[in-house]
Amino acid sequence: MGYTIGALIDRAAAADPARVALVGDHVRLTRAELREYVNRLATGLLRLGIQKGDAVLLQLPNWAEFVYSYFALQKIGAVPVLLISGYRQVEVDHL
């Protein structure tokens, strides 16, 4: 039985909403809080016109925002295209 990443986030938050899911330098989120961040960003991405199957460049450092963005893209069925955060415009243009 397969699950999408979005469904797994929802299930984990429903099963144990108070359990810590994400810890970073300036953030500590429970499963329920992480789900809320991901859902809000997913909604915003859909409003911007990003749709299931769209490839979306994701170029962020190893921050909490990377996690929200990656999971939100997965949740709506978009395809995250991961780039190293240090790439400059010349490398991005080449890709």
Protein backbone atom coordinates (compact mmCIF):
# COMPACT_ATOMS: atom_id res chain seq x y z
CA MET A 1 0.00 0.00 0.00
CA GLY A 2 1.62 3.24 -1.13
CA TYR A 3 1.27 6.70 0.27
CA THR A 4 2.29 10.08 -1.01
CA ILE A 5 4.60 12.20 1.10
CA GLY A 6 1.68 14.56 1.70
CA ALA A 7 -0.47 11.72 2.97
CA LEU A 8 2.31 10.51 5.25
CA ILE A 9 2.66 13.99 6.77
CA ASP A 10 -1.09 14.11 7.37
CA ARG A 11 -1.14 10.64 8.92
CA ALA A 12 1.83 11.37 11.19
CA ALA A 13 0.25 14.63 12.36
CA ALA A 14 -3.07 12.91 13.02
CA ALA A 15 -1.44 10.03 14.91
CA ASP A 16 0.73 12.14 17.22
CA PRO A 17 0.27 15.89 16.61
CA ALA A 18 2.41 17.03 19.55
CA ARG A 19 5.49 14.98 18.63
CA VAL A 20 8.44 17.06 17.44
CA ALA A 21 8.93 16.70 13.70
CA LEU A 22 11.46 19.38 12.74
CA VAL A 23 14.29 20.96 14.67
CA GLY A 24 16.61 23.62 13.30
CA ASP A 25 18.70 26.53 14.46
CA HIS A 26 15.69 28.80 14.91
CA VAL A 27 12.72 26.46 14.67
CA ARG A 28 11.20 23.56 16.53
CA LEU A 29 7.92 22.30 15.10
CA THR A 30 5.52 19.57 16.08
CA ARG A 31 4.00 17.29 13.48
CA ALA A 32 0.80 19.34 13.54
CA GLU A 33 2.70 22.60 13.08
CA LEU A 34 4.75 21.17 10.23
CA ARG A 35 1.57 19.96 8.52
CA GLU A 36 0.09 23.46 8.88
CA TYR A 37 3.17 25.13 7.31
CA VAL A 38 3.20 22.61 4.47
CA ASN A 39 -0.54 22.96 3.81
CA ARG A 40 -0.41 26.75 3.80
CA LEU A 41 2.52 26.78 1.38
CA ALA A 42 0.89 24.14 -0.83
CA THR A 43 -2.25 26.29 -1.04
CA GLY A 44 -0.17 29.33 -1.95
CA LEU A 45 1.67 27.42 -4.66
CA LEU A 46 -1.62 26.26 -6.16
CA ARG A 47 -2.89 29.86 -6.14
CA LEU A 48 0.24 30.88 -8.04
CA GLY A 49 -0.72 28.40 -10.74
CA ILE A 50 1.68 25.57 -9.96
CA GLN A 51 -0.03 22.31 -10.81
CA LYS A 52 0.44 18.58 -10.48
CA GLY A 53 3.30 17.46 -12.71
CA ASP A 54 4.92 20.90 -12.97
CA ALA A 55 8.68 20.92 -12.44
CA VAL A 56 9.65 23.56 -9.89
CA LEU A 57 13.20 24.68 -9.21
CA LEU A 58 13.98 24.47 -5.49
CA GLN A 59 17.23 26.16 -4.56
CA LEU A 60 17.40 26.73 -0.82
CA PRO A 61 20.02 26.03 1.83
CA ASN A 62 19.47 23.35 4.46
CA TRP A 63 16.89 25.41 6.35
CA ALA A 64 13.40 24.65 7.61
CA GLU A 65 12.03 26.53 4.59
CA PHE A 66 13.56 23.89 2.34
CA VAL A 67 11.60 21.21 4.21
CA TYR A 68 8.29 23.13 3.95
CA SER A 69 8.86 23.83 0.28
CA TYR A 70 9.87 20.30 -0.65
CA PHE A 71 6.93 18.75 1.19
CA ALA A 72 4.46 21.33 -0.17
CA LEU A 73 5.56 20.64 -3.75
CA GLN A 74 5.25 16.92 -3.14
CA LYS A 75 1.83 17.38 -1.58
CA ILE A 76 0.39 19.09 -4.66
CA GLY A 77 2.08 16.62 -7.00
CA ALA A 78 4.61 19.04 -8.44
CA VAL A 79 8.13 17.80 -9.14
CA PRO A 80 10.84 19.50 -7.07
CA VAL A 81 14.00 20.07 -9.11
CA LEU A 82 16.71 20.33 -6.49
CA LEU A 83 19.69 22.59 -7.04
CA ILE A 84 22.64 23.27 -4.80
CA SER A 85 22.00 26.49 -2.92
CA GLY A 86 25.41 27.86 -3.87
CA TYR A 87 24.77 27.75 -7.61
CA ARG A 88 24.93 31.15 -9.23
CA GLN A 89 22.93 32.38 -12.19
CA VAL A 90 25.45 31.02 -14.69
CA GLU A 91 25.03 27.44 -13.37
CA VAL A 92 21.26 27.76 -13.24
CA ASP A 93 21.15 29.13 -16.80
CA HIS A 94 23.22 26.15 -17.96
CA LEU A 95 20.73 23.71 -16.42
